[in-house]
Amino acid sequence: MTEKNSELKRKMKKTLDKDRYQHTLGVAYTASCLAMRYGADINDAFTAGLLHDCAKCIPTDDKFKLCDKYGIQLSEFEKANSALIHAKLGAYLAEHKYGVSDKDVIAAIRTHTTGEPDMSLMQKIIFTADFIEPRRDQAKNLPEIRKLAFMDIDKAVAKILHDTLNYLGKKKDSPIDPATQKTYEFYCTFQWE
C-alpha cells in the first residue's frame, strides 16, 4: 500500500461510521485483487475502493447542499432517490478534497452505484468489488458472482445488473434508475451461464 493510500485509509476511518469503514476496506482489498487478476493498477484500484463511499455518511440534506454548492448536476431520479447522490459527490470529493487526479479512479467512484454503458476496466472493478466484497452476504447468487468476477468481469457486471434489476423489479416501492437500466442493456449481451 502506498503512503497516500495509508493516509486515505486513516481519513476514511475518521470520516465513515464503523460498518461503512469495514465495507470500504472490503471493497478496497477486493478491488486490488480484481486489479491483480485483470492487470489494472493495484494502487489505483485500492484508492478507488477506499474513496468509493467517502460521501456516504454525510447527512442527506448536507449532500444536497454540497452538490448545489459544487455545481454537481443531479438527475430527477437522483433527487428523488437520495441514496444515489453519494457517488457523484464522492467523485467530486475524491478529486477536490482527497487529491485524486486520475480521471479513471474518479469515474469509477462516480459510477459505482449504477454503472454506465461501456465502462473502463477500473469502473467495472469498483462496481463489482462493491457488490462482492466479503462482508456482503444478502445478494442472490453471490457465490456464483464472486467466482465469475475472477473469470470474466464483463459477465460478472452483467449478472450483477441482471440480479439487481430483478430484485428491484419485485419490490413495489423500488424504482429503477434509468442509468442502471441503460447499463444493463449494454452489458446484457455478455451471457454468464
C-alpha atoms as a PDB file:
ATOM      1  CA  MET A   1       0.000   0.000   0.000  1.00  0.00           C
ATOM      2  CA  THR A   2       1.300   3.427  -0.909  1.00  0.00           C
ATOM      3  CA  GLU A   3       1.837   6.148   1.675  1.00  0.00           C
ATOM      4  CA  LYS A   4      -1.015   8.115   0.078  1.00  0.00           C
ATOM      5  CA  ASN A   5      -3.376   5.157   0.449  1.00  0.00           C
ATOM      6  CA  SER A   6      -2.305   4.711   4.061  1.00  0.00           C
ATOM      7  CA  GLU A   7      -3.223   8.348   4.682  1.00  0.00           C
ATOM      8  CA  LEU A   8      -6.564   7.959   2.850  1.00  0.00           C
ATOM      9  CA  LYS A   9      -7.287   4.883   4.945  1.00  0.00           C
ATOM     10  CA  ARG A  10      -6.756   6.922   8.137  1.00  0.00           C
ATOM     11  CA  LYS A  11      -9.011   9.688   6.817  1.00  0.00           C
ATOM     12  CA  MET A  12     -11.785   7.259   5.900  1.00  0.00           C
ATOM     13  CA  LYS A  13     -11.627   5.723   9.370  1.00  0.00           C
ATOM     14  CA  LYS A  14     -12.372   9.181  10.802  1.00  0.00           C
ATOM     15  CA  THR A  15     -14.985  10.071   8.156  1.00  0.00           C
ATOM     16  CA  LEU A  16     -17.079   6.907   7.952  1.00  0.00           C
ATOM     17  CA  ASP A  17     -19.035   5.039  10.598  1.00  0.00           C
ATOM     18  CA  LYS A  18     -17.624   1.691  11.722  1.00  0.00           C
ATOM     19  CA  ASP A  19     -19.706  -0.537   9.433  1.00  0.00           C
ATOM     20  CA  ARG A  20     -19.186   1.678   6.381  1.00  0.00           C
ATOM     21  CA  TYR A  21     -15.441   1.759   7.064  1.00  0.00           C
ATOM     22  CA  GLN A  22     -15.288  -2.042   7.238  1.00  0.00           C
ATOM     23  CA  HIS A  23     -17.237  -2.255   3.978  1.00  0.00           C
ATOM     24  CA  THR A  24     -14.857   0.285   2.438  1.00  0.00           C
ATOM     25  CA  LEU A  25     -11.826  -1.787   3.391  1.00  0.00           C
ATOM     26  CA  GLY A  26     -13.516  -4.862   1.923  1.00  0.00           C
ATOM     27  CA  VAL A  27     -14.109  -3.038  -1.361  1.00  0.00           C
ATOM     28  CA  ALA A  28     -10.542  -1.667  -1.457  1.00  0.00           C
ATOM     29  CA  TYR A  29      -8.943  -5.077  -0.927  1.00  0.00           C
ATOM     30  CA  THR A  30     -11.367  -6.845  -3.272  1.00  0.00           C
ATOM     31  CA  ALA A  31     -10.720  -4.203  -5.927  1.00  0.00           C
ATOM     32  CA  SER A  32      -6.971  -4.738  -5.500  1.00  0.00           C
ATOM     33  CA  CYS A  33      -7.410  -8.465  -6.043  1.00  0.00           C
ATOM     34  CA  LEU A  34      -9.514  -7.882  -9.151  1.00  0.00           C
ATOM     35  CA  ALA A  35      -6.902  -5.410 -10.405  1.00  0.00           C
ATOM     36  CA  MET A  36      -4.199  -8.067  -9.998  1.00  0.00           C
ATOM     37  CA  ARG A  37      -6.348 -10.555 -11.878  1.00  0.00           C
ATOM     38  CA  TYR A  38      -7.042  -8.221 -14.811  1.00  0.00           C
ATOM     39  CA  GLY A  39      -3.761  -6.298 -14.976  1.00  0.00           C
ATOM     40  CA  ALA A  40      -5.103  -2.965 -13.740  1.00  0.00           C
ATOM     41  CA  ASP A  41      -3.176  -0.655 -11.426  1.00  0.00           C
ATOM     42  CA  ILE A  42      -3.455  -2.155  -7.933  1.00  0.00           C
ATOM     43  CA  ASN A  43      -2.878   1.114  -6.078  1.00  0.00           C
ATOM     44  CA  ASP A  44      -5.463   2.968  -8.170  1.00  0.00           C
ATOM     45  CA  ALA A  45      -7.979   0.194  -7.506  1.00  0.00           C
ATOM     46  CA  PHE A  46      -7.246   0.421  -3.786  1.00  0.00           C
ATOM     47  CA  THR A  47      -7.654   4.216  -3.878  1.00  0.00           C
ATOM     48  CA  ALA A  48     -10.967   3.989  -5.713  1.00  0.00           C
ATOM     49  CA  GLY A  49     -12.160   1.333  -3.281  1.00  0.00           C
ATOM     50  CA  LEU A  50     -11.175   3.435  -0.283  1.00  0.00           C
ATOM     51  CA  LEU A  51     -12.965   6.513  -1.604  1.00  0.00           C
ATOM     52  CA  HIS A  52     -15.999   4.990  -3.328  1.00  0.00           C
ATOM     53  CA  ASP A  53     -18.240   5.732  -0.326  1.00  0.00           C
ATOM     54  CA  CYS A  54     -16.377   8.774   1.021  1.00  0.00           C
ATOM     55  CA  ALA A  55     -19.601  10.848   0.867  1.00  0.00           C
ATOM     56  CA  LYS A  56     -21.923   8.086   2.106  1.00  0.00           C
ATOM     57  CA  CYS A  57     -22.077   9.163   5.769  1.00  0.00           C
ATOM     58  CA  ILE A  58     -22.735  12.838   5.045  1.00  0.00           C
ATOM     59  CA  PRO A  59     -26.301  13.681   6.146  1.00  0.00           C
ATOM     60  CA  THR A  60     -28.731  13.762   3.213  1.00  0.00           C
ATOM     61  CA  ASP A  61     -29.574  17.467   3.479  1.00  0.00           C
ATOM     62  CA  ASP A  62     -25.874  18.290   3.513  1.00  0.00           C
ATOM     63  CA  LYS A  63     -25.318  16.126   0.421  1.00  0.00           C
ATOM     64  CA  PHE A  64     -27.884  18.171  -1.477  1.00  0.00           C
ATOM     65  CA  LYS A  65     -26.336  21.433  -0.252  1.00  0.00           C
ATOM     66  CA  LEU A  66     -22.840  20.319  -1.241  1.00  0.00           C
ATOM     67  CA  CYS A  67     -23.996  19.210  -4.694  1.00  0.00           C
ATOM     68  CA  ASP A  68     -25.605  22.614  -5.170  1.00  0.00           C
ATOM     69  CA  LYS A  69     -22.511  24.416  -3.861  1.00  0.00           C
ATOM     70  CA  TYR A  70     -20.140  22.490  -6.139  1.00  0.00           C
ATOM     71  CA  GLY A  71     -22.405  22.564  -9.206  1.00  0.00           C
ATOM     72  CA  ILE A  72     -22.881  18.792  -9.277  1.00  0.00           C
ATOM     73  CA  GLN A  73     -25.768  18.041 -11.630  1.00  0.00           C
ATOM     74  CA  LEU A  74     -28.261  15.527 -10.256  1.00  0.00           C
ATOM     75  CA  SER A  75     -30.869  13.765 -12.343  1.00  0.00           C
ATOM     76  CA  GLU A  76     -34.511  13.915 -11.310  1.00  0.00           C
ATOM     77  CA  PHE A  77     -34.196  10.277 -10.296  1.00  0.00           C
ATOM     78  CA  GLU A  78     -31.216  11.044  -8.034  1.00  0.00           C
ATOM     79  CA  LYS A  79     -33.056  13.967  -6.465  1.00  0.00           C
ATOM     80  CA  ALA A  80     -35.940  11.629  -5.639  1.00  0.00           C
ATOM     81  CA  ASN A  81     -33.647   8.775  -4.512  1.00  0.00           C
ATOM     82  CA  SER A  82     -31.017  10.406  -2.343  1.00  0.00           C
ATOM     83  CA  ALA A  83     -29.168   7.145  -1.633  1.00  0.00           C
ATOM     84  CA  LEU A  84     -27.533   7.523  -5.054  1.00  0.00           C
ATOM     85  CA  ILE A  85     -26.132  11.030  -4.518  1.00  0.00           C
ATOM     86  CA  HIS A  86     -23.032   9.878  -2.647  1.00  0.00           C
ATOM     87  CA  ALA A  87     -21.458   8.511  -5.839  1.00  0.00           C
ATOM     88  CA  LYS A  88     -21.313  11.820  -7.719  1.00  0.00           C
ATOM     89  CA  LEU A  89     -20.499  13.806  -4.584  1.00  0.00           C
ATOM     90  CA  GLY A  90     -17.849  11.248  -3.648  1.00  0.00           C
ATOM     91  CA  ALA A  91     -16.201  11.579  -7.067  1.00  0.00           C
ATOM     92  CA  TYR A  92     -16.056  15.341  -6.594  1.00  0.00           C
ATOM     93  CA  LEU A  93     -14.605  14.999  -3.081  1.00  0.00           C
ATOM     94  CA  ALA A  94     -12.075  12.406  -4.256  1.00  0.00           C
ATOM     95  CA  GLU A  95     -10.689  14.939  -6.693  1.00  0.00           C
ATOM     96  CA  HIS A  96     -11.047  18.201  -4.781  1.00  0.00           C
ATOM     97  CA  LYS A  97     -10.706  17.141  -1.141  1.00  0.00           C
ATOM     98  CA  TYR A  98      -8.593  13.980  -1.289  1.00  0.00           C
ATOM     99  CA  GLY A  99      -6.318  14.953  -4.183  1.00  0.00           C
ATOM    100  CA  VAL A 100      -7.107  12.199  -6.686  1.00  0.00           C
ATOM    101  CA  SER A 101      -6.064  13.288 -10.174  1.00  0.00           C
ATOM    102  CA  ASP A 102      -6.611  10.042 -12.081  1.00  0.00           C
ATOM    103  CA  LYS A 103      -9.789  10.516 -14.140  1.00  0.00           C
ATOM    104  CA  ASP A 104     -10.411   6.767 -14.307  1.00  0.00           C
ATOM    105  CA  VAL A 105     -10.406   6.469 -10.499  1.00  0.00           C
ATOM    106  CA  ILE A 106     -12.795   9.423 -10.273  1.00  0.00           C
ATOM    107  CA  ALA A 107     -15.073   7.862 -12.906  1.00  0.00           C
ATOM    108  CA  ALA A 108     -15.050   4.555 -11.005  1.00  0.00           C
ATOM    109  CA  ILE A 109     -16.232   6.317  -7.853  1.00  0.00           C
ATOM    110  CA  ARG A 110     -18.875   8.273  -9.781  1.00  0.00           C
ATOM    111  CA  THR A 111     -20.383   5.157 -11.401  1.00  0.00           C
ATOM    112  CA  HIS A 112     -20.054   2.563  -8.641  1.00  0.00           C
ATOM    113  CA  THR A 113     -23.776   2.523  -7.800  1.00  0.00           C
ATOM    114  CA  THR A 114     -25.441   2.479 -11.226  1.00  0.00           C
ATOM    115  CA  GLY A 115     -22.631   1.742 -13.631  1.00  0.00           C
ATOM    116  CA  GLU A 116     -22.721   3.160 -17.131  1.00  0.00           C
ATOM    117  CA  PRO A 117     -22.514   1.670 -20.623  1.00  0.00           C
ATOM    118  CA  ASP A 118     -19.015   0.762 -21.836  1.00  0.00           C
ATOM    119  CA  MET A 119     -17.241   1.204 -18.516  1.00  0.00           C
ATOM    120  CA  SER A 120     -13.476   1.193 -18.237  1.00  0.00           C
ATOM    121  CA  LEU A 121     -11.804  -1.736 -16.525  1.00  0.00           C
ATOM    122  CA  MET A 122     -11.368   0.329 -13.337  1.00  0.00           C
ATOM    123  CA  GLN A 123     -15.055   1.247 -13.321  1.00  0.00           C
ATOM    124  CA  LYS A 124     -16.026  -2.417 -13.699  1.00  0.00           C
ATOM    125  CA  ILE A 125     -13.623  -3.398 -10.920  1.00  0.00           C
ATOM    126  CA  ILE A 126     -15.104  -0.936  -8.400  1.00  0.00           C
ATOM    127  CA  PHE A 127     -18.694  -1.651  -9.455  1.00  0.00           C
ATOM    128  CA  THR A 128     -18.056  -5.382  -8.968  1.00  0.00           C
ATOM    129  CA  ALA A 129     -15.945  -5.102  -5.805  1.00  0.00           C
ATOM    130  CA  ASP A 130     -18.694  -3.063  -4.139  1.00  0.00           C
ATOM    131  CA  PHE A 131     -21.131  -5.910  -4.805  1.00  0.00           C
ATOM    132  CA  ILE A 132     -18.936  -8.896  -3.888  1.00  0.00           C
ATOM    133  CA  GLU A 133     -16.725  -7.705  -1.021  1.00  0.00           C
ATOM    134  CA  PRO A 134     -16.513 -10.247   1.838  1.00  0.00           C
ATOM    135  CA  ARG A 135     -18.959  -8.507   4.212  1.00  0.00           C
ATOM    136  CA  ARG A 136     -21.758  -8.652   1.638  1.00  0.00           C
ATOM    137  CA  ASP A 137     -23.979 -11.639   2.282  1.00  0.00           C
ATOM    138  CA  GLN A 138     -27.546 -10.838   1.212  1.00  0.00           C
ATOM    139  CA  ALA A 139     -27.486 -10.818  -2.587  1.00  0.00           C
ATOM    140  CA  LYS A 140     -28.897 -13.723  -4.502  1.00  0.00           C
ATOM    141  CA  ASN A 141     -26.289 -15.736  -6.448  1.00  0.00           C
ATOM    142  CA  LEU A 142     -23.399 -14.111  -4.558  1.00  0.00           C
ATOM    143  CA  PRO A 143     -21.092 -17.185  -4.571  1.00  0.00           C
ATOM    144  CA  GLU A 144     -21.629 -17.557  -8.327  1.00  0.00           C
ATOM    145  CA  ILE A 145     -20.979 -13.851  -8.968  1.00  0.00           C
ATOM    146  CA  ARG A 146     -17.833 -13.880  -6.816  1.00  0.00           C
ATOM    147  CA  LYS A 147     -16.443 -16.754  -8.845  1.00  0.00           C
ATOM    148  CA  LEU A 148     -17.490 -15.162 -12.119  1.00  0.00           C
ATOM    149  CA  ALA A 149     -15.842 -11.859 -11.155  1.00  0.00           C
ATOM    150  CA  PHE A 150     -12.430 -13.516 -11.314  1.00  0.00           C
ATOM    151  CA  MET A 151     -13.188 -15.410 -14.519  1.00  0.00           C
ATOM    152  CA  ASP A 152     -14.868 -12.773 -16.719  1.00  0.00           C
ATOM    153  CA  ILE A 153     -15.556  -9.321 -15.299  1.00  0.00           C
ATOM    154  CA  ASP A 154     -17.951  -8.343 -18.098  1.00  0.00           C
ATOM    155  CA  LYS A 155     -20.100 -11.369 -17.379  1.00  0.00           C
ATOM    156  CA  ALA A 156     -19.958 -10.566 -13.653  1.00  0.00           C
ATOM    157  CA  VAL A 157     -21.119  -6.994 -14.323  1.00  0.00           C
ATOM    158  CA  ALA A 158     -23.960  -8.328 -16.490  1.00  0.00           C
ATOM    159  CA  LYS A 159     -25.031 -10.785 -13.789  1.00  0.00           C
ATOM    160  CA  ILE A 160     -24.901  -8.131 -11.044  1.00  0.00           C
ATOM    161  CA  LEU A 161     -27.055  -5.803 -13.139  1.00  0.00           C
ATOM    162  CA  HIS A 162     -29.481  -8.591 -14.043  1.00  0.00           C
ATOM    163  CA  ASP A 163     -29.933  -9.655 -10.435  1.00  0.00           C
ATOM    164  CA  THR A 164     -30.200  -6.047  -9.216  1.00  0.00           C
ATOM    165  CA  LEU A 165     -32.900  -5.189 -11.747  1.00  0.00           C
ATOM    166  CA  ASN A 166     -34.793  -8.405 -10.921  1.00  0.00           C
ATOM    167  CA  TYR A 167     -34.613  -7.612  -7.218  1.00  0.00           C
ATOM    168  CA  LEU A 168     -35.773  -4.016  -7.683  1.00  0.00           C
ATOM    169  CA  GLY A 169     -38.470  -5.116 -10.116  1.00  0.00           C
ATOM    170  CA  LYS A 170     -40.020  -7.372  -7.480  1.00  0.00           C
ATOM    171  CA  LYS A 171     -40.177  -4.623  -4.854  1.00  0.00           C
ATOM    172  CA  LYS A 172     -43.159  -2.322  -5.316  1.00  0.00           C
ATOM    173  CA  ASP A 173     -41.522   0.752  -3.796  1.00  0.00           C
ATOM    174  CA  SER A 174     -38.127   0.400  -5.514  1.00  0.00           C
ATOM    175  CA  PRO A 175     -37.955   2.398  -8.707  1.00  0.00           C
ATOM    176  CA  ILE A 176     -35.188   1.593 -11.173  1.00  0.00           C
ATOM    177  CA  ASP A 177     -32.642   4.250 -12.070  1.00  0.00           C
ATOM    178  CA  PRO A 178     -32.592   4.789 -15.850  1.00  0.00           C
ATOM    179  CA  ALA A 179     -28.765   4.767 -15.671  1.00  0.00           C
ATOM    180  CA  THR A 180     -28.815   1.224 -14.286  1.00  0.00           C
ATOM    181  CA  GLN A 181     -31.260   0.118 -16.969  1.00  0.00           C
ATOM    182  CA  LYS A 182     -29.061   1.609 -19.731  1.00  0.00           C
ATOM    183  CA  THR A 183     -26.004  -0.053 -18.234  1.00  0.00           C
ATOM    184  CA  TYR A 184     -27.775  -3.401 -18.178  1.00  0.00           C
ATOM    185  CA  GLU A 185     -28.909  -3.003 -21.787  1.00  0.00           C
ATOM    186  CA  PHE A 186     -25.255  -2.519 -22.756  1.00  0.00           C
ATOM    187  CA  TYR A 187     -23.920  -5.454 -20.724  1.00  0.00           C
ATOM    188  CA  CYS A 188     -26.773  -7.933 -21.167  1.00  0.00           C
ATOM    189  CA  THR A 189     -25.069  -9.247 -24.316  1.00  0.00           C
ATOM    190  CA  PHE A 190     -22.442 -10.797 -22.012  1.00  0.00           C
ATOM    191  CA  GLN A 191     -24.059 -14.072 -21.013  1.00  0.00           C
ATOM    192  CA  TRP A 192     -22.934 -15.552 -17.695  1.00  0.00           C
ATOM    193  CA  GLU A 193     -24.303 -19.065 -17.958  1.00  0.00           C
END
